[in-house]
Amino acid sequence: MNFLLGLIIGFIVALIVFGGYLFLQKKKELEIKKTAEEIIKEAERKAKEIVEKAENEAKFKIQQAEIQIKEEILAHKQKLEQEFNKKLQEITLKEERLSNKEEYLSKKEADISKKEEALSKKEENLERKLQEIEETKALMEAEKKQIEETLKQAKEELEKIAGLSEKEAKELLLKKLDEELIEEKAKAIMKIENEIKEEAKRKAQEILGHSIAKAAIPFITEKTVSVVQLPNEEMKGRIIGREGRNIRTFETLTGVDLLIDDTPEVVVLSCVDPLRREIARIALERLIADGRIHPTRIEEVVKQVEEEMEHHLIEVGEKACFELGIYGLHPELVKMLGKLKYRTSYSQNVLQHSIETAIICGALAGELGIDVKKAKRAALLHDIGKAASYELEGPHALIGAEIARKYGEDEEIVNAIASHHEDIPVTSMLGIILQIADAISGARPGARRELLEAYIKRIKELEAIAYSFEGVEKAFAIQAGREVRVIVDDKKISDEQAYVLAREIAQKIEKELTYPGIIRVTVIRETRVIEYAK
């Protein structure tokens, strides 16, 4: 019984286990089926999205392709339209030209027909005149025979009356004619000589006038001082240096006097040699811009500027040669021409004077049939001795001739240079026209405008005009006379009155002085309050 019960229970348990197993298997199948359906649905959804995305991208690319094609078509269309318009313009232009040519040809045909008519009329007139001439010739032949017969008879009668033969009568007549002709010849010669002199004078004036007119060289006023602007008053102390060592070094290296006075934010470089003064000006401006001012730095900058100046002189000489069309000069002569930029004669810049003389000399040579290039070359070099006259002794014309000979210039040019101030005799026409051109350039109105004395006088007059007004404490003519700086007493002159004062000073300068350019009037009014703490 227990065995049976155990068997039944075991069977029931087996059934339950088997049923549970079947249930689990069914559930698992259902879950697998459900998962598979979901995967399929998800795959279908993703496939649908991919298809939609692909369709959208395809549509977008198709639209882009359509836009690109349309743009290309439009660009091609515009290009074709431009080419068409260009061709149309060319065709229109050609049609206009053809039309103009047709009109011109029509006018020419009309003119030719008129000329043919005129020629035919002239031919008819000529034929008629030839016929008349033939008739007249026949009449003249008859008259000539008659006159010859009459002369023969008169001659026979004259020989009988005078008792002279034909030969004796001719000699007597020729003797009388000779006496009369001598007097007439003398009168004619005197008349011709006077006419030639007048014509030569007129022609010479005309040639000189043309030559001077070609030389439009600007005037450059030269001075013996250069003004350098400072950024502030403190810079003056730095330029002077401790115990004056900076300024002494600068003056020693450049050979220029550096003047520092009460003029605000300005120092003055003074030297009669413009080349040294220019080197000093550039060096000082560089030192001020750099800010490092001490003896070693000053020496470096001055040396650097001197080297740059060497190249600059060559550039200036080459520019002058290029301007005049002169080539093949020795490099040393080109460099010496550059030095002439920093030489003056009676306040006239020597290089500008040489260029002007070369232009005038070339024009004169062209008028007289002389070698123009040689004339310009001689004129450009005629004052070359002034570039070396500090080192060599003697007249600058002879020094210049020796320099030109040394560097291989033609002897005719050498003689023209040496003789342009008549230090030696002139041996060619080139020397004569060089003397004329040099005199014209130096003596023409405006060539040597203002001497140093006149410049200093004008500066003093400017300051005197400023001091003539009440309330002016100090007046400085600065910027080479281009500005007057006036300092007024703040107790006597108000801010409003300062404007009026500046105008009145400017009006008085305009009324009383003659000067080139414009002059700036600056009126300075300031109030200073000083107290001391004890």
Protein backbone atom coordinates (compact mmCIF):
# COMPACT_ATOMS: atom_id res chain seq x y z
CA MET A 1 0.00 0.00 0.00
CA ASN A 2 2.77 2.40 0.87
CA PHE A 3 4.54 1.40 -2.24
CA LEU A 4 1.53 2.11 -4.38
CA LEU A 5 0.98 5.41 -2.67
CA GLY A 6 4.58 6.32 -3.23
CA LEU A 7 4.31 5.27 -6.84
CA ILE A 8 1.17 7.38 -7.32
CA ILE A 9 2.82 10.37 -5.67
CA GLY A 10 5.92 9.88 -7.77
CA PHE A 11 3.77 9.71 -10.86
CA ILE A 12 1.88 12.84 -9.86
CA VAL A 13 5.17 14.65 -9.20
CA ALA A 14 6.47 13.45 -12.54
CA LEU A 15 3.33 14.75 -14.21
CA ILE A 16 3.67 18.06 -12.44
CA VAL A 17 7.33 18.32 -13.41
CA PHE A 18 6.57 17.35 -16.97
CA GLY A 19 3.66 19.79 -17.09
CA GLY A 20 5.89 22.53 -15.71
CA TYR A 21 8.50 21.69 -18.26
CA LEU A 22 5.96 21.83 -21.06
CA PHE A 23 4.63 25.13 -19.68
CA LEU A 24 8.08 26.61 -19.55
CA GLN A 25 8.85 25.41 -23.04
CA LYS A 26 5.61 26.92 -24.31
CA LYS A 27 6.30 30.16 -22.54
CA LYS A 28 9.82 30.20 -23.91
CA GLU A 29 8.51 29.58 -27.42
CA LEU A 30 5.96 32.34 -26.98
CA GLU A 31 8.66 34.74 -25.75
CA ILE A 32 10.95 33.74 -28.61
CA LYS A 33 8.11 34.26 -31.04
CA LYS A 34 7.28 37.61 -29.50
CA THR A 35 10.95 38.67 -29.57
CA ALA A 36 11.26 37.57 -33.19
CA GLU A 37 8.14 39.57 -34.13
CA GLU A 38 9.48 42.63 -32.34
CA ILE A 39 12.85 42.23 -34.07
CA ILE A 40 11.09 41.88 -37.39
CA LYS A 41 8.94 44.96 -36.66
CA GLU A 42 12.01 46.94 -35.55
CA ALA A 43 13.89 45.79 -38.64
CA GLU A 44 10.92 46.78 -40.81
CA ARG A 45 10.74 50.18 -39.06
CA LYS A 46 14.49 50.79 -39.48
CA ALA A 47 14.31 49.61 -43.07
CA LYS A 48 11.45 52.01 -43.63
CA GLU A 49 13.44 54.86 -42.01
CA ILE A 50 16.50 53.99 -44.11
CA VAL A 51 14.38 53.93 -47.25
CA GLU A 52 12.75 57.26 -46.31
CA LYS A 53 16.15 58.74 -45.46
CA ALA A 54 17.60 57.44 -48.72
CA GLU A 55 14.60 58.84 -50.61
CA ASN A 56 15.03 62.23 -48.87
CA GLU A 57 18.78 62.30 -49.58
CA ALA A 58 18.12 61.29 -53.16
CA LYS A 59 15.53 64.06 -53.47
CA PHE A 60 17.95 66.55 -51.85
CA LYS A 61 20.79 65.51 -54.16
CA ILE A 62 18.46 65.68 -57.14
CA GLN A 63 17.41 69.20 -56.07
CA GLN A 64 21.06 70.21 -55.58
CA ALA A 65 21.95 68.74 -58.97
CA GLU A 66 19.01 70.60 -60.52
CA ILE A 67 20.12 73.88 -58.83
CA GLN A 68 23.73 73.32 -59.94
CA ILE A 69 22.62 72.55 -63.47
CA LYS A 70 20.40 75.65 -63.47
CA GLU A 71 23.29 77.78 -62.17
CA GLU A 72 25.64 76.36 -64.80
CA ILE A 73 23.00 76.96 -67.46
CA LEU A 74 22.50 80.52 -66.14
CA ALA A 75 26.27 81.19 -66.04
CA HIS A 76 26.67 79.74 -69.52
CA LYS A 77 23.72 81.80 -70.67
CA GLN A 78 25.23 84.99 -69.16
CA LYS A 79 28.59 84.16 -70.75
CA LEU A 80 26.91 83.64 -74.09
CA GLU A 81 24.96 86.89 -73.63
CA GLN A 82 28.20 88.75 -72.78
CA GLU A 83 29.95 87.26 -75.80
CA PHE A 84 26.91 88.10 -77.89
CA ASN A 85 26.84 91.69 -76.59
CA LYS A 86 30.59 91.99 -77.17
CA LYS A 87 30.23 90.65 -80.72
CA LEU A 88 27.24 92.94 -81.21
CA GLN A 89 29.28 95.95 -80.02
CA GLU A 90 32.13 94.97 -82.33
CA ILE A 91 29.73 94.58 -85.24
CA THR A 92 28.09 97.93 -84.39
CA LEU A 93 31.53 99.56 -84.14
CA LYS A 94 32.56 98.03 -87.45
CA GLU A 95 29.29 99.19 -89.01
CA GLU A 96 29.94 102.71 -87.70
CA ARG A 97 33.48 102.61 -89.04
CA LEU A 98 32.25 101.34 -92.41
CA SER A 99 29.60 104.04 -92.41
CA ASN A 100 32.22 106.68 -91.60
CA LYS A 101 34.49 105.27 -94.28
CA GLU A 102 31.65 105.34 -96.79
CA GLU A 103 30.92 108.96 -95.90
CA TYR A 104 34.62 109.77 -96.12
CA LEU A 105 34.91 108.02 -99.49
CA SER A 106 31.80 109.81 -100.71
CA LYS A 107 33.33 113.15 -99.70
CA LYS A 108 36.62 112.14 -101.33
CA GLU A 109 34.79 111.19 -104.55
CA ALA A 110 32.98 114.52 -104.50
CA ASP A 111 36.27 116.36 -103.89
CA ILE A 112 37.98 114.38 -106.64
CA SER A 113 35.19 115.14 -109.09
CA LYS A 114 35.41 118.84 -108.16
CA LYS A 115 39.19 118.75 -108.59
CA GLU A 116 38.81 117.00 -111.95
CA GLU A 117 36.41 119.72 -113.08
CA ALA A 118 38.83 122.39 -111.85
CA LEU A 119 41.73 120.62 -113.62
CA SER A 120 39.82 120.39 -116.87
CA LYS A 121 39.05 124.12 -116.62
CA LYS A 122 42.72 124.83 -115.88
CA GLU A 123 43.77 122.71 -118.89
CA GLU A 124 41.39 124.68 -121.09
CA ASN A 125 42.79 127.94 -119.69
CA LEU A 126 46.36 126.70 -120.19
CA GLU A 127 45.67 125.71 -123.80
CA ARG A 128 44.11 129.10 -124.44
CA LYS A 129 47.06 130.86 -122.78
CA LEU A 130 49.57 128.74 -124.74
CA GLN A 131 47.83 129.76 -127.93
CA GLU A 132 47.97 133.39 -126.81
CA ILE A 133 51.67 132.97 -125.91
CA GLU A 134 52.41 131.52 -129.35
CA GLU A 135 50.66 134.43 -130.97
CA THR A 136 52.48 136.88 -128.71
CA LYS A 137 55.80 135.14 -129.45
CA ALA A 138 55.27 135.55 -133.16
CA LEU A 139 54.50 139.24 -132.66
CA MET A 140 57.58 139.63 -130.45
CA GLU A 141 59.80 137.99 -133.06
CA ALA A 142 58.58 140.47 -135.62
CA GLU A 143 59.06 143.37 -133.18
CA LYS A 144 62.52 142.04 -132.26
CA LYS A 145 63.63 142.07 -135.90
CA GLN A 146 62.28 145.57 -136.27
CA ILE A 147 64.05 146.73 -133.03
CA GLU A 148 67.34 145.12 -134.12
CA GLU A 149 67.11 146.94 -137.45
CA THR A 150 66.33 150.21 -135.66
CA LEU A 151 69.22 149.69 -133.21
CA LYS A 152 71.61 148.97 -136.02
CA GLN A 153 70.65 152.18 -137.77
CA ALA A 154 70.81 154.16 -134.45
CA LYS A 155 74.19 152.66 -133.70
CA GLU A 156 75.62 153.69 -137.07
CA GLU A 157 74.27 157.18 -136.60
CA LEU A 158 75.70 157.39 -133.02
CA GLU A 159 79.14 156.29 -134.23
CA LYS A 160 79.08 159.02 -136.87
CA ILE A 161 77.97 161.70 -134.38
CA ALA A 162 80.22 160.68 -131.42
CA GLY A 163 83.25 159.82 -133.46
CA LEU A 164 83.72 156.64 -131.33
CA SER A 165 83.76 153.05 -132.31
CA GLU A 166 81.47 150.47 -130.64
CA LYS A 167 84.37 149.06 -128.58
CA GLU A 168 85.42 152.51 -127.30
CA ALA A 169 81.81 153.38 -126.42
CA LYS A 170 81.43 150.07 -124.45
CA GLU A 171 84.62 150.74 -122.46
CA LEU A 172 83.48 154.28 -121.62
CA LEU A 173 80.04 153.01 -120.58
CA LEU A 174 81.49 150.19 -118.44
CA LYS A 175 83.84 152.63 -116.70
CA LYS A 176 80.91 154.84 -115.75
CA LEU A 177 78.89 151.82 -114.59
CA ASP A 178 81.80 150.61 -112.41
CA GLU A 179 82.00 153.99 -110.66
CA GLU A 180 78.26 153.99 -110.00
CA LEU A 181 78.28 150.33 -108.90
CA ILE A 182 81.06 150.87 -106.33
CA GLU A 183 78.91 153.37 -104.47
CA GLU A 184 75.79 151.21 -104.76
CA LYS A 185 77.77 148.15 -103.63
CA ALA A 186 79.01 149.96 -100.50
CA LYS A 187 75.48 151.02 -99.62
CA ALA A 188 74.16 147.48 -100.21
CA ILE A 189 76.94 145.94 -98.08
CA MET A 190 76.23 148.32 -95.18
CA LYS A 191 72.52 147.56 -95.42
CA ILE A 192 73.12 143.79 -95.50
CA GLU A 193 75.54 143.99 -92.55
CA ASN A 194 72.99 145.86 -90.45
CA GLU A 195 70.27 143.41 -91.41
CA ILE A 196 72.53 140.45 -90.53
CA LYS A 197 73.40 142.00 -87.17
CA GLU A 198 69.72 142.60 -86.35
CA GLU A 199 68.80 139.09 -87.48
CA ALA A 200 71.65 137.54 -85.48
CA LYS A 201 70.61 139.49 -82.38
CA ARG A 202 66.99 138.45 -82.81
CA LYS A 203 67.97 134.82 -83.45
CA ALA A 204 70.30 134.77 -80.43
CA GLN A 205 67.55 136.17 -78.20
CA GLU A 206 65.13 133.57 -79.58
CA ILE A 207 67.60 130.70 -78.98
CA LEU A 208 68.33 131.90 -75.44
CA GLY A 209 64.63 132.31 -74.74
CA HIS A 210 63.84 128.75 -75.89
CA SER A 211 66.78 127.37 -73.93
CA ILE A 212 65.81 129.15 -70.69
CA ALA A 213 62.16 128.11 -71.10
CA LYS A 214 63.21 124.43 -71.14
CA ALA A 215 65.00 124.76 -67.79
CA ALA A 216 62.10 124.76 -65.29
CA ILE A 217 64.23 123.84 -62.25
CA PRO A 218 62.70 124.48 -58.80
CA PHE A 219 64.59 126.86 -56.54
CA ILE A 220 65.85 125.36 -53.27
CA THR A 221 66.67 127.80 -50.50
CA GLU A 222 69.77 126.76 -48.56
CA LYS A 223 70.57 127.63 -44.97
CA THR A 224 73.38 127.02 -42.55
CA VAL A 225 71.22 125.66 -39.71
CA SER A 226 68.91 122.65 -39.33
CA VAL A 227 66.12 122.50 -36.76
CA VAL A 228 65.38 119.17 -35.04
CA GLN A 229 62.11 118.69 -33.17
CA LEU A 230 62.17 117.00 -29.75
CA PRO A 231 59.36 114.94 -28.22
CA ASN A 232 59.73 116.75 -24.87
CA GLU A 233 61.98 119.13 -22.93
CA GLU A 234 63.52 116.25 -20.97
CA MET A 235 65.24 115.10 -24.18
CA LYS A 236 67.54 118.15 -24.10
CA GLY A 237 69.12 116.91 -20.88
CA ARG A 238 69.62 113.44 -22.34
CA ILE A 239 71.25 114.92 -25.45
CA ILE A 240 73.66 116.95 -23.28
CA GLY A 241 74.43 113.93 -21.09
CA ARG A 242 76.28 113.74 -17.80
CA GLU A 243 78.79 116.60 -17.65
CA GLY A 244 78.14 117.25 -21.36
CA ARG A 245 79.79 114.05 -22.59
CA ASN A 246 77.00 113.16 -25.07
CA ILE A 247 76.95 116.55 -26.79
CA ARG A 248 80.77 116.69 -26.94
CA THR A 249 80.94 113.22 -28.50
CA PHE A 250 78.25 114.15 -31.02
CA GLU A 251 79.93 117.41 -32.05
CA THR A 252 83.36 115.75 -32.30
CA LEU A 253 82.12 112.89 -34.51
CA THR A 254 79.93 115.01 -36.81
CA GLY A 255 81.87 118.31 -36.89
CA VAL A 256 78.61 120.18 -36.29
CA ASP A 257 77.67 122.64 -33.54
CA LEU A 258 74.63 121.47 -31.54
CA LEU A 259 72.88 124.54 -30.12
CA ILE A 260 70.45 124.06 -27.24
CA ASP A 261 68.60 127.16 -26.03
CA ASP A 262 65.28 128.10 -24.41
CA THR A 263 63.24 127.39 -27.52
CA PRO A 264 60.74 124.72 -26.42
CA GLU A 265 61.19 121.20 -27.81
CA VAL A 266 63.73 122.28 -30.44
CA VAL A 267 67.50 122.03 -30.92
CA VAL A 268 69.53 123.61 -33.73
CA LEU A 269 72.41 122.12 -35.76
CA SER A 270 74.78 124.73 -37.15
CA CYS A 271 77.46 124.09 -39.79
CA VAL A 272 78.51 125.70 -43.07
CA ASP A 273 78.98 122.24 -44.62
CA PRO A 274 75.46 121.02 -45.55
CA LEU A 275 76.66 117.42 -45.96
CA ARG A 276 78.00 117.18 -42.41
CA ARG A 277 74.91 118.99 -41.13
CA GLU A 278 72.60 116.52 -42.90
CA ILE A 279 74.50 113.52 -41.46
CA ALA A 280 74.23 115.10 -38.00
CA ARG A 281 70.50 115.77 -38.43
CA ILE A 282 69.69 112.19 -39.47
CA ALA A 283 71.91 110.75 -36.71
CA LEU A 284 70.32 112.96 -34.03
CA GLU A 285 66.78 112.13 -35.15
CA ARG A 286 67.60 108.41 -34.99
CA LEU A 287 69.12 108.74 -31.53
CA ILE A 288 66.02 110.61 -30.31
CA ALA A 289 63.70 107.97 -31.81
CA ASP A 290 65.82 105.14 -30.34
CA GLY A 291 66.04 106.74 -26.89
CA ARG A 292 69.49 105.28 -26.15
CA ILE A 293 71.83 108.28 -26.09
CA HIS A 294 75.37 107.63 -24.88
CA PRO A 295 78.84 108.02 -26.48
CA THR A 296 79.08 104.43 -27.77
CA ARG A 297 75.61 104.52 -29.30
CA ILE A 298 76.28 107.97 -30.80
CA GLU A 299 79.44 106.64 -32.47
CA GLU A 300 77.53 103.62 -33.88
CA VAL A 301 74.68 105.71 -35.27
CA VAL A 302 76.93 108.39 -36.79
CA LYS A 303 79.06 105.71 -38.50
CA GLN A 304 75.94 103.98 -39.81
CA VAL A 305 74.51 107.24 -41.18
CA GLU A 306 77.83 108.10 -42.84
CA GLU A 307 77.83 104.71 -44.63
CA GLU A 308 74.22 105.22 -45.72
CA MET A 309 75.09 108.72 -46.92
CA GLU A 310 77.77 107.24 -49.21
CA HIS A 311 75.08 105.14 -50.93
CA HIS A 312 72.68 108.09 -50.95
CA LEU A 313 75.24 110.31 -52.72
CA ILE A 314 75.63 107.69 -55.47
CA GLU A 315 71.82 107.46 -55.84
CA VAL A 316 71.53 111.26 -56.10
CA GLY A 317 74.27 111.39 -58.76
CA GLU A 318 72.70 108.54 -60.74
CA LYS A 319 69.30 110.24 -60.58
CA ALA A 320 70.78 113.49 -61.98
CA CYS A 321 72.48 111.53 -64.81
CA PHE A 322 69.26 109.62 -65.58
CA GLU A 323 67.24 112.84 -65.60
CA LEU A 324 69.55 114.32 -68.24
CA GLY A 325 70.11 111.10 -70.21
CA ILE A 326 73.84 110.99 -69.45
CA TYR A 327 75.43 107.53 -69.19
CA GLY A 328 78.90 106.06 -68.77
CA LEU A 329 80.18 108.45 -66.10
CA HIS A 330 82.89 107.11 -63.81
CA PRO A 331 81.44 106.00 -60.43
CA GLU A 332 83.61 108.55 -58.60
CA LEU A 333 82.21 111.36 -60.75
CA VAL A 334 78.66 110.13 -60.01
CA LYS A 335 79.43 110.17 -56.27
CA MET A 336 80.91 113.69 -56.50
CA LEU A 337 77.74 114.83 -58.31
CA GLY A 338 75.78 113.54 -55.30
CA LYS A 339 78.00 115.66 -53.02
CA LEU A 340 77.00 118.76 -55.01
CA LYS A 341 73.50 118.37 -53.54
CA TYR A 342 75.06 119.47 -50.25
CA ARG A 343 77.06 122.38 -51.69
CA THR A 344 75.79 125.93 -52.19
CA SER A 345 76.95 128.97 -54.13
CA TYR A 346 75.38 132.31 -53.19
CA SER A 347 72.54 130.31 -51.54
CA GLN A 348 71.93 128.42 -54.82
CA ASN A 349 72.13 124.61 -54.64
CA VAL A 350 75.09 123.58 -56.83
CA LEU A 351 73.54 120.30 -58.05
CA GLN A 352 70.31 121.99 -59.08
CA HIS A 353 72.37 124.73 -60.73
CA SER A 354 74.39 122.07 -62.63
CA ILE A 355 71.22 120.29 -63.82
CA GLU A 356 69.67 123.59 -64.90
CA THR A 357 72.87 124.59 -66.70
CA ALA A 358 72.93 121.20 -68.47
CA ILE A 359 69.34 121.64 -69.69
CA ILE A 360 70.04 125.16 -70.97
CA CYS A 361 73.37 124.11 -72.51
CA GLY A 362 71.74 121.13 -74.25
CA ALA A 363 69.00 123.37 -75.64
CA LEU A 364 71.58 125.87 -76.94
CA ALA A 365 73.62 123.04 -78.49
CA GLY A 366 70.52 121.68 -80.22
CA GLU A 367 69.72 125.11 -81.68
CA LEU A 368 73.31 125.57 -82.91
CA GLY A 369 73.80 122.03 -84.26
CA ILE A 370 76.37 120.96 -81.62
CA ASP A 371 76.48 117.51 -79.95
CA VAL A 372 73.68 117.81 -77.34
CA LYS A 373 74.83 114.87 -75.18
CA LYS A 374 78.37 116.22 -74.96
CA ALA A 375 77.04 119.69 -74.09
CA LYS A 376 74.86 118.30 -71.28
CA ARG A 377 77.74 116.18 -69.99
CA ALA A 378 80.12 119.15 -69.86
CA ALA A 379 77.49 121.36 -68.18
CA LEU A 380 76.60 118.76 -65.56
CA LEU A 381 80.29 118.40 -64.64
CA HIS A 382 81.27 122.08 -64.93
CA ASP A 383 81.12 122.68 -61.14
CA ILE A 384 82.37 119.23 -60.10
CA GLY A 385 85.45 120.94 -58.61
CA LYS A 386 83.22 122.38 -55.86
CA ALA A 387 82.73 118.86 -54.51
CA ALA A 388 86.47 118.61 -53.83
CA SER A 389 87.51 122.23 -53.36
CA TYR A 390 87.93 121.74 -49.60
CA GLU A 391 90.63 119.15 -50.21
CA LEU A 392 92.38 120.68 -53.24
CA GLU A 393 93.73 124.21 -53.74
CA GLY A 394 92.98 126.42 -56.73
CA PRO A 395 89.94 127.63 -58.74
CA HIS A 396 87.10 125.14 -58.81
CA ALA A 397 86.99 125.24 -62.63
CA LEU A 398 90.60 124.04 -62.95
CA ILE A 399 90.13 121.48 -60.15
CA GLY A 400 87.01 120.17 -61.90
CA ALA A 401 88.88 119.93 -65.22
CA GLU A 402 91.66 117.88 -63.62
CA ILE A 403 89.10 115.57 -61.98
CA ALA A 404 87.27 115.11 -65.30
CA ARG A 405 90.57 114.36 -67.09
CA LYS A 406 91.55 111.91 -64.35
CA TYR A 407 88.35 109.92 -64.83
CA GLY A 408 88.61 109.73 -68.62
CA GLU A 409 86.43 112.58 -69.91
CA ASP A 410 86.90 113.97 -73.44
CA GLU A 411 89.46 116.81 -73.81
CA GLU A 412 86.83 119.09 -75.31
CA ILE A 413 84.70 118.60 -72.18
CA VAL A 414 87.78 119.13 -69.98
CA ASN A 415 88.55 122.43 -71.72
CA ALA A 416 84.92 123.58 -71.45
CA ILE A 417 84.95 122.89 -67.67
CA ALA A 418 88.32 124.62 -67.16
CA SER A 419 87.35 127.68 -69.23
CA HIS A 420 83.80 128.32 -68.03
CA HIS A 421 85.13 131.13 -65.76
CA GLU A 422 87.83 132.11 -68.31
CA ASP A 423 90.67 130.68 -66.21
CA ILE A 424 92.09 129.36 -69.49
CA PRO A 425 91.25 130.22 -73.15
CA VAL A 426 88.23 128.56 -74.76
CA THR A 427 89.13 126.19 -77.60
CA SER A 428 85.67 125.15 -78.86
CA MET A 429 82.11 126.34 -79.30
CA LEU A 430 81.14 123.96 -76.46
CA GLY A 431 83.09 126.11 -73.99
CA ILE A 432 81.32 129.27 -75.18
CA ILE A 433 77.79 127.89 -74.83
CA LEU A 434 78.72 126.44 -71.42
CA GLN A 435 79.75 129.94 -70.26
CA ILE A 436 76.43 131.31 -71.55
CA ALA A 437 74.34 128.56 -69.89
CA ASP A 438 76.23 128.95 -66.59
CA ALA A 439 75.66 132.72 -66.62
CA ILE A 440 71.96 132.31 -67.43
CA SER A 441 71.39 129.79 -64.64
CA GLY A 442 73.26 131.86 -62.03
CA ALA A 443 71.92 135.27 -63.04
CA ARG A 444 68.31 134.61 -63.98
CA PRO A 445 65.66 136.16 -61.68
CA GLY A 446 64.92 133.93 -58.69
CA ALA A 447 67.99 131.71 -59.03
CA ARG A 448 69.74 133.10 -55.97
CA ARG A 449 66.84 134.41 -54.02
CA GLU A 450 67.74 135.10 -50.45
CA LEU A 451 71.07 135.47 -48.68
CA LEU A 452 71.67 134.58 -45.03
CA GLU A 453 71.61 138.24 -44.00
CA ALA A 454 68.15 138.70 -45.52
CA TYR A 455 66.92 135.54 -43.76
CA ILE A 456 68.20 136.70 -40.35
CA LYS A 457 66.68 140.14 -40.94
CA ARG A 458 63.28 138.57 -41.65
CA ILE A 459 63.47 136.46 -38.47
CA LYS A 460 64.19 139.60 -36.38
CA GLU A 461 61.36 141.49 -38.06
CA LEU A 462 58.90 138.69 -37.24
CA GLU A 463 59.86 138.78 -33.55
CA ALA A 464 59.76 142.60 -33.52
CA ILE A 465 56.19 142.59 -34.89
CA ALA A 466 55.10 140.21 -32.12
CA TYR A 467 56.80 142.33 -29.42
CA SER A 468 55.02 145.46 -30.71
CA PHE A 469 51.72 144.28 -29.17
CA GLU A 470 50.86 144.94 -25.54
CA GLY A 471 50.85 141.95 -23.20
CA VAL A 472 53.50 139.96 -25.13
CA GLU A 473 56.20 138.62 -22.79
CA LYS A 474 58.28 136.53 -25.24
CA ALA A 475 58.30 135.89 -28.98
CA PHE A 476 60.24 133.23 -30.91
CA ALA A 477 60.50 132.89 -34.69
CA ILE A 478 60.95 129.13 -35.17
CA GLN A 479 60.75 126.52 -37.92
CA ALA A 480 63.10 128.62 -40.11
CA GLY A 481 60.72 131.57 -39.90
CA ARG A 482 57.58 129.59 -40.77
CA GLU A 483 56.09 129.97 -37.27
CA VAL A 484 56.00 132.71 -34.64
CA ARG A 485 55.40 131.45 -31.10
CA VAL A 486 54.15 134.20 -28.78
CA ILE A 487 53.94 133.86 -24.97
CA VAL A 488 51.62 136.42 -23.33
CA ASP A 489 51.04 137.68 -19.77
CA ASP A 490 47.95 135.87 -18.45
CA LYS A 491 47.05 138.89 -16.27
CA LYS A 492 46.89 141.26 -19.27
CA ILE A 493 45.55 138.95 -21.97
CA SER A 494 42.45 136.78 -21.50
CA ASP A 495 41.65 133.62 -23.43
CA GLU A 496 39.28 135.55 -25.72
CA GLN A 497 41.83 138.30 -26.30
CA ALA A 498 44.45 135.67 -27.24
CA TYR A 499 42.42 134.78 -30.35
CA VAL A 500 42.20 138.44 -31.33
CA LEU A 501 45.91 138.97 -30.71
CA ALA A 502 46.90 136.03 -32.96
CA ARG A 503 44.78 137.47 -35.77
CA GLU A 504 46.18 141.00 -35.34
CA ILE A 505 49.79 139.72 -35.41
CA ALA A 506 49.06 137.69 -38.57
CA GLN A 507 47.47 140.73 -40.27
CA LYS A 508 50.45 142.94 -39.39
CA ILE A 509 52.91 140.34 -40.76
CA GLU A 510 50.90 140.15 -44.01
CA LYS A 511 50.91 143.95 -44.28
CA GLU A 512 54.56 144.70 -43.44
CA LEU A 513 56.60 141.68 -44.61
CA THR A 514 57.24 139.89 -47.89
CA TYR A 515 57.89 136.16 -47.48
CA PRO A 516 57.50 132.84 -49.32
CA GLY A 517 54.73 130.42 -48.26
CA ILE A 518 52.75 130.94 -45.04
CA ILE A 519 53.67 131.89 -41.47
CA ARG A 520 51.88 130.31 -38.52
CA VAL A 521 51.16 132.49 -35.46
CA THR A 522 50.77 130.60 -32.15
CA VAL A 523 49.73 132.54 -29.05
CA ILE A 524 50.36 130.73 -25.72
CA ARG A 525 48.61 131.82 -22.52
CA GLU A 526 48.97 129.84 -19.31
CA THR A 527 48.37 130.45 -15.60
CA ARG A 528 50.95 129.16 -13.14
CA VAL A 529 50.24 129.08 -9.39
CA ILE A 530 53.26 128.52 -7.12
CA GLU A 531 53.18 128.08 -3.33
CA TYR A 532 55.93 127.06 -0.92
CA ALA A 533 55.53 124.70 2.08
CA LYS A 534 57.60 125.85 5.06
